[in-house]
Amino acid sequence: MNRRPYGYWIKERCIESAKKYNYIAEWSINEPGAYSSANSHGWLDDCCFHMHRRKPNGYYTKEICLAEARKYNHARDWMKHSPSSFSSAYRNGWYSECNAHMSYKHKWSKEICIKIAFLYLSKTEWYKNNRKSYTAAVRNGWIPDCCAHMKGRKPRGYWTKERCLENAAKYSSLTLWDSENKGAVWASFHGGWYSLCRAIIRNNRDNP
C-alpha cells in the first residue's frame, strides 16, 4: 500500500477524497489515510455531509450479490466499486460462487488483506472465515496493520441497535463519538442504523 507523506491529508484533500464515496464505511475502507486524518482533526462532518444512508440491514441477499458481481470481470473491481456486496458475499460464504465467472482471482496484497480483515471483529473470526488472506497477512508481517481496528472490541453481538443508539445519545459531536466508540460505530455501519445514531447526535448538538 502506498502511503502518503506526513501532512498530505489536509482538510481540502480529505473533502475531495470523501466526495468519491456515498458511505463513510466505504470511504474508510478504500482511503483509510484520508478518513483517519479527517477523524483525528474533527473534519468528518464537513467531509461526509453529502453521504447517503446505508442500505438496510439484510439488503444484500445472495441474489443481489451475484447480480453485483456479474458486473465485473475482476475481483479487485468488484471490491472497489461495490464493497458492500463484496463484504456480504464474504461474510455469508457466497464469495466463491459470486466470482466464479471472473477471469482473474486477486493476489493477496496488503491493501486487500486490510479490507478483508475489516469485516471481522477478531483474528480468530478472520482466520476461520478467510484463512488464505489471514495466512498471507501473517506471512508478510501485515497483521498489526490489518487488525488495528480490532483493539478493544466487545464480544460479537454486544453492539445491538439499542446499545448503539443509547451510546450515541451521550454525545453532541459526531467526531467525538466516532473517535471514542469504534465498536459502536463499526456495528452501526454494518447494522444499517448509523444514520439514526448520527441524527441523535446532531439533535443533541442543535438542542443542548
N, C-alpha and C. Protein backbone atom coordinates (compact mmCIF):
# COMPACT_ATOMS: atom_id res chain seq x y z
N MET A 1 0.85 -1.19 0.00
CA MET A 1 0.00 0.00 0.00
C MET A 1 0.89 1.25 0.00
N ASN A 2 0.59 2.18 -0.91
CA ASN A 2 1.38 3.40 -0.99
C ASN A 2 0.91 4.39 0.08
N ARG A 3 1.83 4.81 0.93
CA ARG A 3 1.48 5.74 2.00
C ARG A 3 1.80 7.16 1.56
N ARG A 4 0.91 8.08 1.89
CA ARG A 4 1.14 9.48 1.58
C ARG A 4 2.13 10.06 2.57
N PRO A 5 2.88 11.08 2.17
CA PRO A 5 3.83 11.71 3.11
C PRO A 5 3.09 12.38 4.26
N TYR A 6 3.75 12.51 5.37
CA TYR A 6 3.15 13.14 6.55
C TYR A 6 2.66 14.55 6.19
N GLY A 7 1.44 14.85 6.58
CA GLY A 7 0.88 16.16 6.31
C GLY A 7 0.15 16.27 4.99
N TYR A 8 0.13 15.18 4.21
CA TYR A 8 -0.53 15.22 2.90
C TYR A 8 -2.03 15.46 3.03
N TRP A 9 -2.65 14.76 3.98
CA TRP A 9 -4.11 14.82 4.08
C TRP A 9 -4.57 16.06 4.85
N ILE A 10 -4.53 17.19 4.15
CA ILE A 10 -5.10 18.41 4.69
C ILE A 10 -6.62 18.37 4.51
N LYS A 11 -7.33 19.29 5.08
CA LYS A 11 -8.78 19.25 5.06
C LYS A 11 -9.33 19.22 3.64
N GLU A 12 -8.80 20.05 2.76
CA GLU A 12 -9.32 20.14 1.40
C GLU A 12 -9.16 18.81 0.66
N ARG A 13 -8.03 18.14 0.86
CA ARG A 13 -7.81 16.86 0.21
C ARG A 13 -8.72 15.78 0.77
N CYS A 14 -8.97 15.84 2.06
CA CYS A 14 -9.88 14.88 2.68
C CYS A 14 -11.29 15.04 2.13
N ILE A 15 -11.73 16.28 1.97
CA ILE A 15 -13.06 16.54 1.42
C ILE A 15 -13.16 16.02 -0.01
N GLU A 16 -12.14 16.27 -0.82
CA GLU A 16 -12.14 15.78 -2.20
C GLU A 16 -12.15 14.26 -2.23
N SER A 17 -11.40 13.64 -1.33
CA SER A 17 -11.37 12.18 -1.26
C SER A 17 -12.75 11.64 -0.89
N ALA A 18 -13.39 12.25 0.10
CA ALA A 18 -14.70 11.77 0.57
C ALA A 18 -15.78 11.90 -0.48
N LYS A 19 -15.65 12.87 -1.38
CA LYS A 19 -16.68 13.10 -2.41
C LYS A 19 -16.84 11.90 -3.34
N LYS A 20 -15.86 11.02 -3.38
CA LYS A 20 -15.92 9.88 -4.28
C LYS A 20 -16.78 8.74 -3.72
N TYR A 21 -17.24 8.89 -2.48
CA TYR A 21 -17.95 7.79 -1.83
C TYR A 21 -19.31 8.24 -1.29
N ASN A 22 -20.23 7.27 -1.22
CA ASN A 22 -21.56 7.56 -0.71
C ASN A 22 -21.76 7.16 0.75
N TYR A 23 -20.82 6.37 1.29
CA TYR A 23 -20.93 5.90 2.66
C TYR A 23 -19.61 6.05 3.39
N ILE A 24 -19.67 6.39 4.67
CA ILE A 24 -18.45 6.57 5.44
C ILE A 24 -17.65 5.28 5.51
N ALA A 25 -18.33 4.14 5.71
CA ALA A 25 -17.62 2.86 5.78
C ALA A 25 -16.85 2.60 4.50
N GLU A 26 -17.48 2.88 3.37
CA GLU A 26 -16.83 2.68 2.07
C GLU A 26 -15.59 3.56 1.95
N TRP A 27 -15.71 4.79 2.38
CA TRP A 27 -14.57 5.73 2.33
C TRP A 27 -13.44 5.26 3.24
N SER A 28 -13.79 4.87 4.47
CA SER A 28 -12.76 4.48 5.44
C SER A 28 -12.01 3.23 5.00
N ILE A 29 -12.68 2.34 4.27
CA ILE A 29 -12.04 1.11 3.80
C ILE A 29 -11.12 1.39 2.61
N ASN A 30 -11.58 2.22 1.68
CA ASN A 30 -10.83 2.46 0.46
C ASN A 30 -9.73 3.51 0.60
N GLU A 31 -9.92 4.50 1.47
CA GLU A 31 -8.91 5.53 1.67
C GLU A 31 -8.74 5.80 3.17
N PRO A 32 -8.18 4.82 3.88
CA PRO A 32 -8.07 4.93 5.33
C PRO A 32 -7.23 6.12 5.80
N GLY A 33 -6.25 6.53 4.99
CA GLY A 33 -5.42 7.67 5.37
C GLY A 33 -6.21 8.96 5.44
N ALA A 34 -7.05 9.18 4.42
CA ALA A 34 -7.88 10.38 4.38
C ALA A 34 -8.90 10.35 5.51
N TYR A 35 -9.54 9.19 5.70
CA TYR A 35 -10.54 9.06 6.76
C TYR A 35 -9.92 9.30 8.13
N SER A 36 -8.76 8.69 8.37
CA SER A 36 -8.09 8.81 9.66
C SER A 36 -7.73 10.26 9.96
N SER A 37 -7.23 10.96 8.95
CA SER A 37 -6.85 12.36 9.15
C SER A 37 -8.07 13.21 9.44
N ALA A 38 -9.15 12.99 8.69
CA ALA A 38 -10.38 13.75 8.92
C ALA A 38 -10.93 13.48 10.31
N ASN A 39 -10.86 12.22 10.72
CA ASN A 39 -11.37 11.84 12.04
C ASN A 39 -10.56 12.49 13.15
N SER A 40 -9.24 12.44 13.03
CA SER A 40 -8.38 12.96 14.09
C SER A 40 -8.41 14.49 14.18
N HIS A 41 -8.72 15.16 13.07
CA HIS A 41 -8.74 16.63 13.06
C HIS A 41 -10.15 17.21 13.25
N GLY A 42 -11.15 16.34 13.33
CA GLY A 42 -12.51 16.83 13.53
C GLY A 42 -13.18 17.35 12.27
N TRP A 43 -12.83 16.78 11.10
CA TRP A 43 -13.40 17.26 9.84
C TRP A 43 -14.48 16.34 9.29
N LEU A 44 -14.87 15.31 10.02
CA LEU A 44 -15.80 14.32 9.47
C LEU A 44 -17.12 14.93 9.01
N ASP A 45 -17.65 15.84 9.80
CA ASP A 45 -18.93 16.44 9.42
C ASP A 45 -18.82 17.17 8.08
N ASP A 46 -17.73 17.89 7.88
CA ASP A 46 -17.54 18.61 6.62
C ASP A 46 -17.29 17.65 5.46
N CYS A 47 -16.59 16.58 5.72
CA CYS A 47 -16.26 15.63 4.65
C CYS A 47 -17.44 14.74 4.26
N CYS A 48 -18.30 14.44 5.22
CA CYS A 48 -19.31 13.40 5.00
C CYS A 48 -20.75 13.89 4.91
N PHE A 49 -20.93 15.21 4.83
CA PHE A 49 -22.30 15.73 4.85
C PHE A 49 -23.12 15.24 3.66
N HIS A 50 -22.47 14.92 2.53
CA HIS A 50 -23.18 14.52 1.31
C HIS A 50 -23.53 13.05 1.27
N MET A 51 -23.01 12.27 2.20
CA MET A 51 -23.14 10.82 2.12
C MET A 51 -24.56 10.34 2.41
N HIS A 52 -24.94 9.28 1.72
CA HIS A 52 -26.30 8.76 1.82
C HIS A 52 -26.43 7.75 2.96
N ARG A 53 -27.67 7.43 3.26
CA ARG A 53 -27.95 6.40 4.25
C ARG A 53 -27.55 5.04 3.69
N ARG A 54 -26.99 4.21 4.53
CA ARG A 54 -26.62 2.86 4.11
C ARG A 54 -27.86 2.05 3.76
N LYS A 55 -27.66 1.03 2.95
CA LYS A 55 -28.74 0.11 2.64
C LYS A 55 -29.20 -0.55 3.94
N PRO A 56 -30.49 -0.88 4.05
CA PRO A 56 -30.97 -1.50 5.29
C PRO A 56 -30.30 -2.84 5.54
N ASN A 57 -30.23 -3.22 6.80
CA ASN A 57 -29.62 -4.48 7.18
C ASN A 57 -30.31 -5.63 6.46
N GLY A 58 -29.53 -6.50 5.86
CA GLY A 58 -30.10 -7.62 5.13
C GLY A 58 -30.39 -7.34 3.67
N TYR A 59 -30.09 -6.13 3.21
CA TYR A 59 -30.38 -5.76 1.82
C TYR A 59 -29.62 -6.64 0.84
N TYR A 60 -28.33 -6.88 1.14
CA TYR A 60 -27.50 -7.63 0.20
C TYR A 60 -27.70 -9.13 0.37
N THR A 61 -28.73 -9.63 -0.29
CA THR A 61 -29.01 -11.06 -0.31
C THR A 61 -28.04 -11.74 -1.28
N LYS A 62 -28.07 -13.05 -1.32
CA LYS A 62 -27.21 -13.79 -2.24
C LYS A 62 -27.49 -13.40 -3.69
N GLU A 63 -28.76 -13.23 -4.01
CA GLU A 63 -29.14 -12.89 -5.39
C GLU A 63 -28.59 -11.52 -5.78
N ILE A 64 -28.68 -10.56 -4.87
CA ILE A 64 -28.18 -9.22 -5.17
C ILE A 64 -26.65 -9.24 -5.29
N CYS A 65 -25.98 -9.99 -4.42
CA CYS A 65 -24.52 -10.09 -4.51
C CYS A 65 -24.09 -10.72 -5.82
N LEU A 66 -24.80 -11.75 -6.26
CA LEU A 66 -24.49 -12.38 -7.54
C LEU A 66 -24.67 -11.39 -8.69
N ALA A 67 -25.76 -10.62 -8.62
CA ALA A 67 -26.03 -9.63 -9.67
C ALA A 67 -24.95 -8.55 -9.71
N GLU A 68 -24.52 -8.10 -8.52
CA GLU A 68 -23.48 -7.08 -8.45
C GLU A 68 -22.16 -7.64 -8.99
N ALA A 69 -21.82 -8.85 -8.59
CA ALA A 69 -20.56 -9.46 -9.01
C ALA A 69 -20.49 -9.66 -10.51
N ARG A 70 -21.63 -9.93 -11.14
CA ARG A 70 -21.65 -10.17 -12.59
C ARG A 70 -21.27 -8.93 -13.39
N LYS A 71 -21.28 -7.76 -12.76
CA LYS A 71 -20.93 -6.53 -13.45
C LYS A 71 -19.42 -6.41 -13.68
N TYR A 72 -18.65 -7.27 -13.01
CA TYR A 72 -17.20 -7.11 -13.03
C TYR A 72 -16.50 -8.40 -13.48
N ASN A 73 -15.36 -8.21 -14.14
CA ASN A 73 -14.56 -9.35 -14.60
C ASN A 73 -13.42 -9.67 -13.64
N HIS A 74 -13.14 -8.76 -12.73
CA HIS A 74 -12.05 -8.94 -11.79
C HIS A 74 -12.53 -8.68 -10.37
N ALA A 75 -12.05 -9.49 -9.43
CA ALA A 75 -12.45 -9.33 -8.03
C ALA A 75 -12.07 -7.97 -7.49
N ARG A 76 -10.93 -7.45 -7.93
CA ARG A 76 -10.49 -6.15 -7.41
C ARG A 76 -11.45 -5.04 -7.80
N ASP A 77 -12.06 -5.13 -9.00
CA ASP A 77 -13.02 -4.12 -9.44
C ASP A 77 -14.33 -4.24 -8.67
N TRP A 78 -14.75 -5.46 -8.43
CA TRP A 78 -15.96 -5.69 -7.64
C TRP A 78 -15.78 -5.10 -6.24
N MET A 79 -14.65 -5.37 -5.60
CA MET A 79 -14.37 -4.86 -4.26
C MET A 79 -14.32 -3.34 -4.25
N LYS A 80 -13.76 -2.74 -5.30
CA LYS A 80 -13.60 -1.29 -5.35
C LYS A 80 -14.93 -0.57 -5.55
N HIS A 81 -15.76 -1.09 -6.46
CA HIS A 81 -16.96 -0.37 -6.86
C HIS A 81 -18.23 -0.80 -6.12
N SER A 82 -18.22 -1.96 -5.50
CA SER A 82 -19.39 -2.40 -4.74
C SER A 82 -18.94 -3.11 -3.47
N PRO A 83 -18.28 -2.37 -2.56
CA PRO A 83 -17.70 -3.00 -1.36
C PRO A 83 -18.74 -3.64 -0.44
N SER A 84 -19.95 -3.11 -0.41
CA SER A 84 -20.96 -3.68 0.49
C SER A 84 -21.38 -5.07 0.04
N SER A 85 -21.60 -5.25 -1.29
CA SER A 85 -21.97 -6.58 -1.77
C SER A 85 -20.79 -7.54 -1.65
N PHE A 86 -19.60 -7.02 -1.89
CA PHE A 86 -18.37 -7.82 -1.74
C PHE A 86 -18.25 -8.32 -0.30
N SER A 87 -18.46 -7.42 0.66
CA SER A 87 -18.36 -7.78 2.07
C SER A 87 -19.42 -8.80 2.46
N SER A 88 -20.65 -8.60 1.99
CA SER A 88 -21.73 -9.52 2.32
C SER A 88 -21.46 -10.90 1.77
N ALA A 89 -20.93 -10.96 0.55
CA ALA A 89 -20.62 -12.26 -0.05
C ALA A 89 -19.57 -12.99 0.77
N TYR A 90 -18.56 -12.26 1.26
CA TYR A 90 -17.53 -12.88 2.09
C TYR A 90 -18.13 -13.39 3.40
N ARG A 91 -18.90 -12.53 4.07
CA ARG A 91 -19.43 -12.88 5.38
C ARG A 91 -20.36 -14.08 5.33
N ASN A 92 -21.10 -14.21 4.23
CA ASN A 92 -22.12 -15.25 4.15
C ASN A 92 -21.70 -16.49 3.37
N GLY A 93 -20.43 -16.52 2.94
CA GLY A 93 -19.95 -17.72 2.27
C GLY A 93 -20.35 -17.86 0.82
N TRP A 94 -20.70 -16.72 0.18
CA TRP A 94 -21.12 -16.76 -1.23
C TRP A 94 -20.01 -16.32 -2.18
N TYR A 95 -18.85 -15.97 -1.64
CA TYR A 95 -17.82 -15.35 -2.46
C TYR A 95 -17.40 -16.21 -3.65
N SER A 96 -17.13 -17.47 -3.42
CA SER A 96 -16.65 -18.35 -4.49
C SER A 96 -17.68 -18.45 -5.62
N GLU A 97 -18.94 -18.54 -5.24
CA GLU A 97 -19.98 -18.62 -6.26
C GLU A 97 -20.13 -17.30 -7.02
N CYS A 98 -20.00 -16.20 -6.29
CA CYS A 98 -20.17 -14.89 -6.92
C CYS A 98 -19.05 -14.57 -7.92
N ASN A 99 -17.84 -15.01 -7.63
CA ASN A 99 -16.73 -14.64 -8.51
C ASN A 99 -16.29 -15.78 -9.42
N ALA A 100 -17.13 -16.82 -9.55
CA ALA A 100 -16.78 -17.98 -10.36
C ALA A 100 -16.54 -17.61 -11.82
N HIS A 101 -17.24 -16.58 -12.30
CA HIS A 101 -17.11 -16.18 -13.71
C HIS A 101 -15.89 -15.29 -13.96
N MET A 102 -15.25 -14.80 -12.90
CA MET A 102 -14.19 -13.81 -13.05
C MET A 102 -12.92 -14.46 -13.59
N SER A 103 -12.29 -13.75 -14.49
CA SER A 103 -11.13 -14.29 -15.19
C SER A 103 -9.86 -14.19 -14.37
N TYR A 104 -9.91 -13.40 -13.28
CA TYR A 104 -8.68 -13.19 -12.50
C TYR A 104 -9.01 -13.21 -11.03
N LYS A 105 -8.37 -14.08 -10.31
CA LYS A 105 -8.55 -14.12 -8.86
C LYS A 105 -7.43 -13.31 -8.21
N HIS A 106 -7.81 -12.35 -7.38
CA HIS A 106 -6.82 -11.40 -6.88
C HIS A 106 -5.71 -12.05 -6.06
N LYS A 107 -4.56 -11.43 -6.09
CA LYS A 107 -3.46 -11.84 -5.23
C LYS A 107 -3.64 -11.14 -3.89
N TRP A 108 -3.00 -11.66 -2.88
CA TRP A 108 -3.19 -11.13 -1.54
C TRP A 108 -2.23 -9.97 -1.28
N SER A 109 -2.63 -8.79 -1.68
CA SER A 109 -1.85 -7.59 -1.38
C SER A 109 -2.18 -7.13 0.04
N LYS A 110 -1.38 -6.25 0.58
CA LYS A 110 -1.64 -5.73 1.92
C LYS A 110 -2.97 -4.99 1.96
N GLU A 111 -3.25 -4.22 0.91
CA GLU A 111 -4.49 -3.45 0.86
C GLU A 111 -5.71 -4.36 0.91
N ILE A 112 -5.69 -5.43 0.14
CA ILE A 112 -6.82 -6.36 0.12
C ILE A 112 -6.97 -7.05 1.47
N CYS A 113 -5.86 -7.44 2.07
CA CYS A 113 -5.93 -8.10 3.39
C CYS A 113 -6.52 -7.18 4.45
N ILE A 114 -6.15 -5.90 4.41
CA ILE A 114 -6.70 -4.94 5.37
C ILE A 114 -8.20 -4.81 5.19
N LYS A 115 -8.64 -4.73 3.94
CA LYS A 115 -10.07 -4.58 3.66
C LYS A 115 -10.87 -5.80 4.11
N ILE A 116 -10.30 -6.98 3.89
CA ILE A 116 -11.00 -8.19 4.31
C ILE A 116 -11.00 -8.31 5.83
N ALA A 117 -9.87 -8.00 6.47
CA ALA A 117 -9.80 -8.06 7.93
C ALA A 117 -10.81 -7.14 8.58
N PHE A 118 -11.12 -6.01 7.92
CA PHE A 118 -12.06 -5.04 8.47
C PHE A 118 -13.47 -5.63 8.62
N LEU A 119 -13.72 -6.75 7.93
CA LEU A 119 -15.04 -7.39 8.00
C LEU A 119 -15.24 -8.15 9.30
N TYR A 120 -14.16 -8.37 10.06
CA TYR A 120 -14.22 -9.24 11.23
C TYR A 120 -13.83 -8.51 12.51
N LEU A 121 -14.32 -9.05 13.63
CA LEU A 121 -14.10 -8.43 14.92
C LEU A 121 -12.88 -8.99 15.66
N SER A 122 -12.37 -10.13 15.21
CA SER A 122 -11.23 -10.73 15.89
C SER A 122 -10.38 -11.51 14.89
N LYS A 123 -9.13 -11.79 15.29
CA LYS A 123 -8.25 -12.58 14.45
C LYS A 123 -8.82 -13.98 14.25
N THR A 124 -9.40 -14.53 15.31
CA THR A 124 -9.95 -15.87 15.24
C THR A 124 -11.07 -15.94 14.20
N GLU A 125 -11.94 -14.94 14.23
CA GLU A 125 -13.05 -14.91 13.27
C GLU A 125 -12.53 -14.75 11.85
N TRP A 126 -11.53 -13.90 11.70
CA TRP A 126 -10.93 -13.70 10.37
C TRP A 126 -10.31 -15.00 9.87
N TYR A 127 -9.52 -15.65 10.70
CA TYR A 127 -8.86 -16.90 10.30
C TYR A 127 -9.89 -17.97 9.94
N LYS A 128 -10.95 -18.04 10.71
CA LYS A 128 -11.97 -19.07 10.49
C LYS A 128 -12.69 -18.86 9.16
N ASN A 129 -12.93 -17.61 8.81
CA ASN A 129 -13.72 -17.32 7.62
C ASN A 129 -12.91 -17.09 6.35
N ASN A 130 -11.64 -16.71 6.50
CA ASN A 130 -10.83 -16.45 5.31
C ASN A 130 -9.37 -16.74 5.60
N ARG A 131 -9.02 -18.01 5.64
CA ARG A 131 -7.68 -18.42 6.03
C ARG A 131 -6.61 -17.94 5.06
N LYS A 132 -6.94 -17.89 3.77
CA LYS A 132 -5.93 -17.53 2.79
C LYS A 132 -5.44 -16.09 2.98
N SER A 133 -6.37 -15.16 3.19
CA SER A 133 -5.95 -13.77 3.39
C SER A 133 -5.24 -13.63 4.73
N TYR A 134 -5.72 -14.33 5.76
CA TYR A 134 -5.07 -14.28 7.07
C TYR A 134 -3.65 -14.81 6.99
N THR A 135 -3.49 -15.95 6.31
CA THR A 135 -2.17 -16.55 6.17
C THR A 135 -1.21 -15.63 5.41
N ALA A 136 -1.73 -14.98 4.37
CA ALA A 136 -0.91 -14.04 3.60
C ALA A 136 -0.47 -12.88 4.48
N ALA A 137 -1.37 -12.40 5.34
CA ALA A 137 -1.03 -11.29 6.23
C ALA A 137 0.04 -11.70 7.24
N VAL A 138 -0.08 -12.92 7.77
CA VAL A 138 0.93 -13.42 8.72
C VAL A 138 2.28 -13.56 8.02
N ARG A 139 2.26 -14.15 6.85
CA ARG A 139 3.49 -14.41 6.11
C ARG A 139 4.25 -13.12 5.77
N ASN A 140 3.50 -12.05 5.51
CA ASN A 140 4.11 -10.78 5.09
C ASN A 140 4.26 -9.76 6.21
N GLY A 141 3.87 -10.14 7.43
CA GLY A 141 4.01 -9.23 8.56
C GLY A 141 3.03 -8.09 8.59
N TRP A 142 1.82 -8.30 8.03
CA TRP A 142 0.83 -7.23 7.95
C TRP A 142 -0.21 -7.28 9.07
N ILE A 143 -0.13 -8.26 9.95
CA ILE A 143 -1.16 -8.45 10.97
C ILE A 143 -1.41 -7.19 11.81
N PRO A 144 -0.38 -6.48 12.29
CA PRO A 144 -0.65 -5.28 13.10
C PRO A 144 -1.51 -4.25 12.37
N ASP A 145 -1.21 -4.00 11.10
CA ASP A 145 -1.99 -3.02 10.34
C ASP A 145 -3.39 -3.56 10.02
N CYS A 146 -3.48 -4.84 9.70
CA CYS A 146 -4.78 -5.42 9.35
C CYS A 146 -5.73 -5.48 10.54
N CYS A 147 -5.18 -5.65 11.73
CA CYS A 147 -6.02 -5.88 12.92
C CYS A 147 -6.11 -4.67 13.85
N ALA A 148 -5.64 -3.52 13.39
CA ALA A 148 -5.65 -2.33 14.24
C ALA A 148 -7.06 -1.98 14.71
N HIS A 149 -8.06 -2.23 13.87
CA HIS A 149 -9.44 -1.89 14.23
C HIS A 149 -10.04 -2.84 15.25
N MET A 150 -9.39 -3.95 15.53
CA MET A 150 -9.95 -4.96 16.43
C MET A 150 -9.69 -4.69 17.90
N LYS A 151 -8.81 -3.74 18.19
CA LYS A 151 -8.44 -3.47 19.58
C LYS A 151 -9.64 -2.96 20.37
N GLY A 152 -9.83 -3.52 21.56
CA GLY A 152 -10.89 -3.05 22.45
C GLY A 152 -12.29 -3.40 22.01
N ARG A 153 -12.44 -4.39 21.13
CA ARG A 153 -13.77 -4.76 20.67
C ARG A 153 -14.55 -5.51 21.76
N LYS A 154 -15.84 -5.23 21.81
CA LYS A 154 -16.74 -6.01 22.66
C LYS A 154 -17.00 -7.35 21.99
N PRO A 155 -17.53 -8.33 22.74
CA PRO A 155 -17.86 -9.62 22.13
C PRO A 155 -18.84 -9.43 20.98
N ARG A 156 -18.75 -10.29 19.98
CA ARG A 156 -19.63 -10.19 18.84
C ARG A 156 -21.08 -10.22 19.29
N GLY A 157 -21.88 -9.31 18.78
CA GLY A 157 -23.29 -9.24 19.14
C GLY A 157 -23.58 -8.27 20.26
N TYR A 158 -22.52 -7.75 20.91
CA TYR A 158 -22.73 -6.83 22.03
C TYR A 158 -23.40 -5.55 21.56
N TRP A 159 -22.89 -4.99 20.46
CA TRP A 159 -23.42 -3.70 20.00
C TRP A 159 -24.69 -3.90 19.18
N THR A 160 -25.80 -4.07 19.90
CA THR A 160 -27.10 -4.14 19.27
C THR A 160 -27.53 -2.74 18.85
N LYS A 161 -28.62 -2.66 18.12
CA LYS A 161 -29.14 -1.38 17.69
C LYS A 161 -29.45 -0.49 18.89
N GLU A 162 -30.09 -1.09 19.89
CA GLU A 162 -30.47 -0.32 21.08
C GLU A 162 -29.25 0.24 21.81
N ARG A 163 -28.20 -0.58 21.96
CA ARG A 163 -27.00 -0.12 22.66
C ARG A 163 -26.28 0.98 21.86
N CYS A 164 -26.27 0.84 20.56
CA CYS A 164 -25.63 1.88 19.73
C CYS A 164 -26.38 3.20 19.86
N LEU A 165 -27.70 3.16 19.84
CA LEU A 165 -28.50 4.38 19.96
C LEU A 165 -28.32 5.01 21.34
N GLU A 166 -28.29 4.17 22.36
CA GLU A 166 -28.08 4.68 23.72
C GLU A 166 -26.69 5.30 23.85
N ASN A 167 -25.71 4.67 23.24
CA ASN A 167 -24.35 5.19 23.28
C ASN A 167 -24.26 6.52 22.54
N ALA A 168 -24.87 6.62 21.38
CA ALA A 168 -24.84 7.85 20.60
C ALA A 168 -25.53 9.00 21.32
N ALA A 169 -26.55 8.66 22.11
CA ALA A 169 -27.31 9.69 22.82
C ALA A 169 -26.47 10.43 23.86
N LYS A 170 -25.31 9.91 24.20
CA LYS A 170 -24.43 10.55 25.17
C LYS A 170 -23.59 11.66 24.56
N TYR A 171 -23.65 11.80 23.22
CA TYR A 171 -22.74 12.72 22.53
C TYR A 171 -23.48 13.80 21.75
N SER A 172 -22.79 14.91 21.58
CA SER A 172 -23.29 16.00 20.74
C SER A 172 -22.30 16.30 19.61
N SER A 173 -21.28 15.46 19.49
CA SER A 173 -20.28 15.62 18.43
C SER A 173 -20.06 14.29 17.74
N LEU A 174 -20.33 14.24 16.45
CA LEU A 174 -20.13 13.02 15.68
C LEU A 174 -18.66 12.59 15.70
N THR A 175 -17.79 13.57 15.58
CA THR A 175 -16.35 13.28 15.58
C THR A 175 -15.91 12.63 16.88
N LEU A 176 -16.38 13.16 18.01
CA LEU A 176 -16.01 12.61 19.31
C LEU A 176 -16.57 11.21 19.49
N TRP A 177 -17.81 11.02 19.08
CA TRP A 177 -18.43 9.69 19.18
C TRP A 177 -17.62 8.68 18.38
N ASP A 178 -17.25 9.05 17.16
CA ASP A 178 -16.51 8.15 16.29
C ASP A 178 -15.15 7.80 16.88
N SER A 179 -14.47 8.76 17.47
CA SER A 179 -13.12 8.52 17.98
C SER A 179 -13.13 7.72 19.27
N GLU A 180 -14.19 7.82 20.06
CA GLU A 180 -14.21 7.16 21.37
C GLU A 180 -14.99 5.85 21.39
N ASN A 181 -15.71 5.55 20.31
CA ASN A 181 -16.58 4.38 20.33
C ASN A 181 -16.50 3.61 19.01
N LYS A 182 -15.31 3.12 18.70
CA LYS A 182 -15.12 2.43 17.43
C LYS A 182 -16.04 1.23 17.27
N GLY A 183 -16.27 0.51 18.35
CA GLY A 183 -17.13 -0.67 18.28
C GLY A 183 -18.55 -0.32 17.92
N ALA A 184 -19.10 0.70 18.56
CA ALA A 184 -20.47 1.12 18.28
C ALA A 184 -20.58 1.67 16.86
N VAL A 185 -19.59 2.43 16.44
CA VAL A 185 -19.60 2.98 15.08
C VAL A 185 -19.53 1.86 14.05
N TRP A 186 -18.64 0.90 14.28
CA TRP A 186 -18.50 -0.23 13.36
C TRP A 186 -19.80 -0.99 13.24
N ALA A 187 -20.42 -1.29 14.39
CA ALA A 187 -21.67 -2.04 14.39
C ALA A 187 -22.78 -1.26 13.70
N SER A 188 -22.79 0.06 13.88
CA SER A 188 -23.80 0.90 13.24
C SER A 188 -23.66 0.89 11.73
N PHE A 189 -22.40 0.97 11.26
CA PHE A 189 -22.15 0.89 9.82
C PHE A 189 -22.72 -0.40 9.25
N HIS A 190 -22.32 -1.52 9.87
CA HIS A 190 -22.67 -2.82 9.33
C HIS A 190 -24.11 -3.22 9.65
N GLY A 191 -24.68 -2.62 10.67
CA GLY A 191 -26.06 -2.95 11.01
C GLY A 191 -27.09 -2.12 10.27
N GLY A 192 -26.66 -1.00 9.71
CA GLY A 192 -27.58 -0.18 8.93
C GLY A 192 -28.29 0.91 9.71
N TRP A 193 -27.85 1.18 10.96
CA TRP A 193 -28.52 2.23 11.74
C TRP A 193 -27.58 3.39 12.08
N TYR A 194 -26.52 3.53 11.31
CA TYR A 194 -25.60 4.64 11.54
C TYR A 194 -26.30 5.99 11.38
N SER A 195 -27.18 6.10 10.39
CA SER A 195 -27.88 7.37 10.16
C SER A 195 -28.73 7.76 11.36
N LEU A 196 -29.34 6.78 12.03
CA LEU A 196 -30.14 7.07 13.21
C LEU A 196 -29.26 7.60 14.34
N CYS A 197 -28.10 6.97 14.52
CA CYS A 197 -27.17 7.44 15.55
C CYS A 197 -26.70 8.85 15.24
N ARG A 198 -26.41 9.08 13.99
CA ARG A 198 -25.94 10.40 13.57
C ARG A 198 -27.01 11.46 13.82
N ALA A 199 -28.28 11.11 13.55
CA ALA A 199 -29.37 12.05 13.76
C ALA A 199 -29.52 12.41 15.24
N ILE A 200 -29.36 11.41 16.11
CA ILE A 200 -29.44 11.64 17.55
C ILE A 200 -28.35 12.61 18.00
N ILE A 201 -27.13 12.40 17.50
CA ILE A 201 -26.02 13.25 17.89
C ILE A 201 -26.21 14.67 17.39
N ARG A 202 -26.70 14.80 16.17
CA ARG A 202 -26.95 16.13 15.63
C ARG A 202 -28.05 16.85 16.41
N ASN A 203 -29.05 16.09 16.85
CA ASN A 203 -30.13 16.69 17.66
C ASN A 203 -29.58 17.17 18.98
N ASN A 204 -28.67 16.40 19.57
CA ASN A 204 -28.05 16.81 20.83
C ASN A 204 -27.22 18.10 20.63
N ARG A 205 -26.55 18.15 19.48
CA ARG A 205 -25.72 19.32 19.17
C ARG A 205 -26.58 20.57 18.98
N ASP A 206 -27.70 20.41 18.28
CA ASP A 206 -28.55 21.55 17.96
C ASP A 206 -29.47 21.96 19.11
N ASN A 207 -29.65 21.02 20.05
CA ASN A 207 -30.51 21.31 21.20
C ASN A 207 -29.81 20.96 22.50
N PRO A 208 -28.81 21.72 22.85
CA PRO A 208 -28.00 21.45 24.04
C PRO A 208 -28.83 21.55 25.32
